[in-house]
Amino acid sequence: MFTKYFLLVTLLLIGSASWAHHGWSSYDANKTLKLTVPLAEVRYRNPHAEVEVEHEGKRWLVILAPISRMESRGLPSDALAAGKTVTIEGYPRSDGSAEIRAERITVDGKTIELR
């Protein structure tokens, strides 16, 4: 009996974590932002790399792609560094929080499709 409940709880937790991680519906795909800004912070890690930028007086969190995808498309970790100016195109969160789901990033004149 315990094993059955443990398995059920485990599956529910895994399912909810997966749903939260891939909740792309919380971004407004009808409103595209294109920012050319210096990177304030870079976190090149899984499950998605992230950068932070300053825009309109706010610090924005930008969700990039998994590092394996970025590297396979020609964007290694050393291409992103704090202070480097990049162009980011993506969708802002629908709830108005300062977060963007990036669709592409242009670094050193090279555009990388992230999705």
N, C-alpha and C. Protein backbone atom coordinates (compact mmCIF):
# COMPACT_ATOMS: atom_id res chain seq x y z
N MET A 1 0.82 -1.18 0.00
CA MET A 1 0.00 0.00 0.00
C MET A 1 0.87 1.26 0.00
N PHE A 2 1.88 1.29 0.87
CA PHE A 2 2.80 2.43 0.93
C PHE A 2 3.46 2.65 -0.42
N THR A 3 3.89 1.59 -1.07
CA THR A 3 4.57 1.68 -2.35
C THR A 3 3.67 2.33 -3.40
N LYS A 4 2.38 1.97 -3.40
CA LYS A 4 1.45 2.54 -4.35
C LYS A 4 1.32 4.06 -4.16
N TYR A 5 1.19 4.50 -2.91
CA TYR A 5 1.06 5.94 -2.63
C TYR A 5 2.35 6.68 -2.94
N PHE A 6 3.46 6.06 -2.60
CA PHE A 6 4.75 6.67 -2.88
C PHE A 6 4.92 6.87 -4.39
N LEU A 7 4.57 5.86 -5.16
CA LEU A 7 4.66 5.96 -6.61
C LEU A 7 3.74 7.04 -7.15
N LEU A 8 2.52 7.11 -6.65
CA LEU A 8 1.57 8.11 -7.09
C LEU A 8 2.07 9.52 -6.80
N VAL A 9 2.56 9.76 -5.60
CA VAL A 9 3.08 11.07 -5.22
C VAL A 9 4.29 11.43 -6.08
N THR A 10 5.17 10.48 -6.30
CA THR A 10 6.34 10.72 -7.13
C THR A 10 5.94 11.11 -8.55
N LEU A 11 5.01 10.40 -9.14
CA LEU A 11 4.56 10.72 -10.50
C LEU A 11 3.91 12.10 -10.56
N LEU A 12 3.13 12.43 -9.55
CA LEU A 12 2.50 13.76 -9.52
C LEU A 12 3.54 14.87 -9.41
N LEU A 13 4.55 14.67 -8.58
CA LEU A 13 5.60 15.67 -8.44
C LEU A 13 6.39 15.83 -9.73
N ILE A 14 6.73 14.74 -10.36
CA ILE A 14 7.48 14.80 -11.62
C ILE A 14 6.64 15.49 -12.68
N GLY A 15 5.38 15.14 -12.76
CA GLY A 15 4.50 15.74 -13.75
C GLY A 15 4.34 17.24 -13.54
N SER A 16 4.17 17.67 -12.29
CA SER A 16 3.99 19.11 -12.04
C SER A 16 5.28 19.87 -12.29
N ALA A 17 6.42 19.29 -11.98
CA ALA A 17 7.70 19.96 -12.26
C ALA A 17 7.91 20.09 -13.76
N SER A 18 7.56 19.07 -14.49
CA SER A 18 7.69 19.12 -15.95
C SER A 18 6.77 20.17 -16.53
N TRP A 19 5.54 20.26 -16.05
CA TRP A 19 4.59 21.24 -16.56
C TRP A 19 5.09 22.65 -16.26
N ALA A 20 5.59 22.88 -15.06
CA ALA A 20 6.07 24.21 -14.68
C ALA A 20 7.27 24.60 -15.53
N HIS A 21 8.17 23.65 -15.77
CA HIS A 21 9.37 23.94 -16.54
C HIS A 21 9.05 24.32 -17.97
N HIS A 22 8.06 23.70 -18.56
CA HIS A 22 7.73 23.96 -19.96
C HIS A 22 6.48 24.80 -20.10
N GLY A 23 6.23 25.70 -19.16
CA GLY A 23 5.05 26.54 -19.19
C GLY A 23 5.19 27.73 -20.11
N TRP A 24 5.48 27.48 -21.39
CA TRP A 24 5.69 28.58 -22.33
C TRP A 24 4.41 29.38 -22.57
N SER A 25 3.25 28.86 -22.18
CA SER A 25 2.01 29.60 -22.39
C SER A 25 1.93 30.84 -21.51
N SER A 26 2.81 30.98 -20.54
CA SER A 26 2.80 32.16 -19.69
C SER A 26 3.50 33.36 -20.34
N TYR A 27 3.97 33.19 -21.57
CA TYR A 27 4.60 34.28 -22.32
C TYR A 27 3.65 34.76 -23.41
N ASP A 28 3.67 36.05 -23.71
CA ASP A 28 2.78 36.66 -24.68
C ASP A 28 3.41 36.59 -26.08
N ALA A 29 3.04 35.56 -26.84
CA ALA A 29 3.61 35.35 -28.18
C ALA A 29 3.11 36.38 -29.19
N ASN A 30 2.15 37.21 -28.80
CA ASN A 30 1.65 38.26 -29.69
C ASN A 30 2.42 39.57 -29.50
N LYS A 31 3.31 39.60 -28.54
CA LYS A 31 4.09 40.80 -28.25
C LYS A 31 5.57 40.46 -28.27
N THR A 32 6.23 40.80 -29.34
CA THR A 32 7.65 40.50 -29.48
C THR A 32 8.49 41.68 -29.01
N LEU A 33 9.48 41.41 -28.20
CA LEU A 33 10.44 42.42 -27.78
C LEU A 33 11.76 42.18 -28.50
N LYS A 34 12.39 43.25 -28.93
CA LYS A 34 13.73 43.15 -29.52
C LYS A 34 14.59 44.18 -28.80
N LEU A 35 15.54 43.69 -28.03
CA LEU A 35 16.39 44.54 -27.22
C LEU A 35 17.84 44.41 -27.64
N THR A 36 18.51 45.52 -27.81
CA THR A 36 19.96 45.51 -28.00
C THR A 36 20.53 46.14 -26.75
N VAL A 37 21.14 45.29 -25.93
CA VAL A 37 21.55 45.68 -24.59
C VAL A 37 22.83 44.96 -24.18
N PRO A 38 23.58 45.55 -23.25
CA PRO A 38 24.71 44.81 -22.69
C PRO A 38 24.20 43.79 -21.68
N LEU A 39 24.88 42.68 -21.58
CA LEU A 39 24.53 41.65 -20.61
C LEU A 39 25.00 42.09 -19.23
N ALA A 40 24.09 42.06 -18.26
CA ALA A 40 24.45 42.42 -16.90
C ALA A 40 24.96 41.20 -16.14
N GLU A 41 24.36 40.05 -16.43
CA GLU A 41 24.72 38.81 -15.75
C GLU A 41 24.50 37.64 -16.70
N VAL A 42 25.32 36.61 -16.59
CA VAL A 42 25.21 35.43 -17.44
C VAL A 42 25.26 34.19 -16.56
N ARG A 43 24.29 33.27 -16.78
CA ARG A 43 24.29 31.97 -16.10
C ARG A 43 24.16 30.92 -17.20
N TYR A 44 25.27 30.33 -17.55
CA TYR A 44 25.33 29.33 -18.63
C TYR A 44 25.24 27.96 -17.97
N ARG A 45 23.98 27.50 -17.76
CA ARG A 45 23.75 26.26 -17.02
C ARG A 45 22.47 25.61 -17.51
N ASN A 46 22.25 24.38 -17.07
CA ASN A 46 21.02 23.66 -17.41
C ASN A 46 19.98 23.91 -16.33
N PRO A 47 18.69 23.81 -16.61
CA PRO A 47 18.12 23.31 -17.85
C PRO A 47 18.12 24.34 -18.97
N HIS A 48 18.23 25.63 -18.65
CA HIS A 48 18.31 26.68 -19.66
C HIS A 48 19.34 27.70 -19.21
N ALA A 49 20.10 28.20 -20.15
CA ALA A 49 20.98 29.32 -19.82
C ALA A 49 20.10 30.55 -19.60
N GLU A 50 20.60 31.46 -18.80
CA GLU A 50 19.85 32.69 -18.51
C GLU A 50 20.82 33.86 -18.54
N VAL A 51 20.30 35.00 -18.94
CA VAL A 51 21.05 36.24 -18.83
C VAL A 51 20.13 37.26 -18.19
N GLU A 52 20.73 38.28 -17.62
CA GLU A 52 19.97 39.41 -17.10
C GLU A 52 20.44 40.66 -17.81
N VAL A 53 19.47 41.54 -18.12
CA VAL A 53 19.76 42.79 -18.81
C VAL A 53 18.97 43.91 -18.16
N GLU A 54 19.43 45.13 -18.35
CA GLU A 54 18.70 46.31 -17.89
C GLU A 54 17.95 46.88 -19.09
N HIS A 55 16.63 47.11 -18.91
CA HIS A 55 15.81 47.68 -19.97
C HIS A 55 14.65 48.44 -19.34
N GLU A 56 14.45 49.68 -19.77
CA GLU A 56 13.37 50.52 -19.27
C GLU A 56 13.38 50.63 -17.75
N GLY A 57 14.56 50.76 -17.18
CA GLY A 57 14.68 50.94 -15.75
C GLY A 57 14.45 49.69 -14.90
N LYS A 58 14.34 48.54 -15.56
CA LYS A 58 14.13 47.28 -14.84
C LYS A 58 15.21 46.28 -15.23
N ARG A 59 15.48 45.37 -14.33
CA ARG A 59 16.36 44.25 -14.65
C ARG A 59 15.48 43.11 -15.14
N TRP A 60 15.75 42.65 -16.36
CA TRP A 60 14.98 41.59 -17.00
C TRP A 60 15.75 40.28 -16.96
N LEU A 61 15.05 39.21 -16.63
CA LEU A 61 15.59 37.86 -16.72
C LEU A 61 15.23 37.34 -18.10
N VAL A 62 16.22 36.87 -18.84
CA VAL A 62 16.00 36.35 -20.18
C VAL A 62 16.32 34.86 -20.17
N ILE A 63 15.32 34.03 -20.50
CA ILE A 63 15.48 32.59 -20.54
C ILE A 63 15.94 32.22 -21.95
N LEU A 64 17.12 31.62 -22.03
CA LEU A 64 17.67 31.20 -23.32
C LEU A 64 17.31 29.73 -23.55
N ALA A 65 18.11 29.02 -24.30
CA ALA A 65 17.87 27.60 -24.60
C ALA A 65 18.77 26.74 -23.72
N PRO A 66 18.55 25.42 -23.74
CA PRO A 66 19.49 24.52 -23.07
C PRO A 66 20.89 24.71 -23.67
N ILE A 67 21.91 24.55 -22.86
CA ILE A 67 23.26 24.81 -23.35
C ILE A 67 23.67 23.87 -24.49
N SER A 68 23.19 22.64 -24.47
CA SER A 68 23.54 21.72 -25.56
C SER A 68 23.01 22.24 -26.89
N ARG A 69 21.81 22.81 -26.89
CA ARG A 69 21.25 23.36 -28.13
C ARG A 69 22.03 24.59 -28.58
N MET A 70 22.38 25.46 -27.63
CA MET A 70 23.11 26.67 -28.01
C MET A 70 24.49 26.31 -28.56
N GLU A 71 25.15 25.37 -27.92
CA GLU A 71 26.47 24.97 -28.40
C GLU A 71 26.39 24.31 -29.77
N SER A 72 25.38 23.46 -29.98
CA SER A 72 25.26 22.80 -31.28
C SER A 72 24.92 23.78 -32.40
N ARG A 73 24.36 24.92 -32.03
CA ARG A 73 24.02 25.95 -33.02
C ARG A 73 25.07 27.05 -33.12
N GLY A 74 26.18 26.86 -32.41
CA GLY A 74 27.30 27.77 -32.56
C GLY A 74 27.44 28.86 -31.51
N LEU A 75 26.86 28.67 -30.34
CA LEU A 75 26.98 29.67 -29.27
C LEU A 75 27.61 29.02 -28.03
N PRO A 76 28.94 28.99 -27.98
CA PRO A 76 29.61 28.39 -26.81
C PRO A 76 29.55 29.32 -25.61
N SER A 77 29.85 28.80 -24.46
CA SER A 77 29.75 29.57 -23.21
C SER A 77 30.61 30.83 -23.23
N ASP A 78 31.78 30.78 -23.86
CA ASP A 78 32.65 31.96 -23.84
C ASP A 78 32.16 33.09 -24.74
N ALA A 79 31.10 32.86 -25.52
CA ALA A 79 30.55 33.92 -26.38
C ALA A 79 29.68 34.89 -25.59
N LEU A 80 29.20 34.46 -24.43
CA LEU A 80 28.36 35.31 -23.59
C LEU A 80 29.14 35.74 -22.36
N ALA A 81 29.23 37.04 -22.16
CA ALA A 81 29.95 37.56 -21.00
C ALA A 81 29.31 38.85 -20.55
N ALA A 82 29.33 39.08 -19.26
CA ALA A 82 28.79 40.34 -18.73
C ALA A 82 29.49 41.50 -19.41
N GLY A 83 28.71 42.49 -19.81
CA GLY A 83 29.25 43.67 -20.49
C GLY A 83 29.16 43.61 -22.00
N LYS A 84 29.04 42.42 -22.56
CA LYS A 84 28.95 42.27 -24.01
C LYS A 84 27.55 42.69 -24.47
N THR A 85 27.48 43.48 -25.54
CA THR A 85 26.19 43.91 -26.08
C THR A 85 25.68 42.87 -27.07
N VAL A 86 24.42 42.46 -26.88
CA VAL A 86 23.76 41.47 -27.72
C VAL A 86 22.39 42.00 -28.11
N THR A 87 21.79 41.37 -29.10
CA THR A 87 20.40 41.65 -29.45
C THR A 87 19.59 40.41 -29.12
N ILE A 88 18.54 40.61 -28.35
CA ILE A 88 17.67 39.52 -27.91
C ILE A 88 16.28 39.76 -28.47
N GLU A 89 15.70 38.74 -29.09
CA GLU A 89 14.32 38.81 -29.57
C GLU A 89 13.54 37.73 -28.86
N GLY A 90 12.40 38.11 -28.30
CA GLY A 90 11.61 37.12 -27.59
C GLY A 90 10.29 37.68 -27.10
N TYR A 91 9.66 36.90 -26.25
CA TYR A 91 8.33 37.22 -25.75
C TYR A 91 8.37 37.50 -24.25
N PRO A 92 7.70 38.59 -23.83
CA PRO A 92 7.63 38.88 -22.40
C PRO A 92 6.59 38.02 -21.71
N ARG A 93 6.71 37.89 -20.41
CA ARG A 93 5.69 37.17 -19.62
C ARG A 93 4.37 37.91 -19.70
N SER A 94 3.30 37.17 -19.76
CA SER A 94 1.95 37.75 -19.84
C SER A 94 1.56 38.48 -18.56
N ASP A 95 2.12 38.09 -17.43
CA ASP A 95 1.73 38.70 -16.16
C ASP A 95 2.44 40.02 -15.88
N GLY A 96 3.27 40.47 -16.82
CA GLY A 96 3.93 41.77 -16.66
C GLY A 96 5.25 41.73 -15.92
N SER A 97 5.64 40.57 -15.40
CA SER A 97 6.93 40.50 -14.72
C SER A 97 8.06 40.64 -15.74
N ALA A 98 9.20 41.08 -15.29
CA ALA A 98 10.34 41.39 -16.16
C ALA A 98 11.10 40.12 -16.54
N GLU A 99 10.49 39.33 -17.40
CA GLU A 99 11.09 38.08 -17.87
C GLU A 99 10.74 37.89 -19.33
N ILE A 100 11.71 37.40 -20.08
CA ILE A 100 11.55 37.19 -21.52
C ILE A 100 11.94 35.76 -21.87
N ARG A 101 11.15 35.13 -22.71
CA ARG A 101 11.51 33.85 -23.33
C ARG A 101 12.16 34.19 -24.66
N ALA A 102 13.47 34.02 -24.76
CA ALA A 102 14.20 34.41 -25.97
C ALA A 102 13.98 33.41 -27.09
N GLU A 103 13.69 33.91 -28.27
CA GLU A 103 13.57 33.09 -29.47
C GLU A 103 14.88 33.05 -30.25
N ARG A 104 15.60 34.17 -30.19
CA ARG A 104 16.91 34.23 -30.87
C ARG A 104 17.77 35.27 -30.18
N ILE A 105 19.06 35.10 -30.35
CA ILE A 105 20.02 36.04 -29.79
C ILE A 105 21.10 36.28 -30.83
N THR A 106 21.49 37.53 -30.98
CA THR A 106 22.56 37.88 -31.91
C THR A 106 23.77 38.31 -31.09
N VAL A 107 24.87 37.59 -31.30
CA VAL A 107 26.10 37.81 -30.57
C VAL A 107 27.23 37.94 -31.59
N ASP A 108 27.99 39.01 -31.52
CA ASP A 108 29.12 39.23 -32.45
C ASP A 108 28.68 39.11 -33.90
N GLY A 109 27.49 39.61 -34.23
CA GLY A 109 26.99 39.60 -35.59
C GLY A 109 26.39 38.28 -36.05
N LYS A 110 26.37 37.27 -35.20
CA LYS A 110 25.84 35.97 -35.55
C LYS A 110 24.53 35.73 -34.79
N THR A 111 23.46 35.41 -35.54
CA THR A 111 22.16 35.17 -34.93
C THR A 111 21.97 33.68 -34.70
N ILE A 112 21.60 33.34 -33.47
CA ILE A 112 21.38 31.96 -33.07
C ILE A 112 19.88 31.78 -32.78
N GLU A 113 19.25 30.85 -33.50
CA GLU A 113 17.86 30.50 -33.24
C GLU A 113 17.83 29.57 -32.02
N LEU A 114 17.05 29.95 -31.02
CA LEU A 114 17.06 29.20 -29.77
C LEU A 114 15.96 28.17 -29.65
N ARG A 115 14.91 28.27 -30.44
CA ARG A 115 13.78 27.32 -30.34
C ARG A 115 13.70 26.44 -31.54
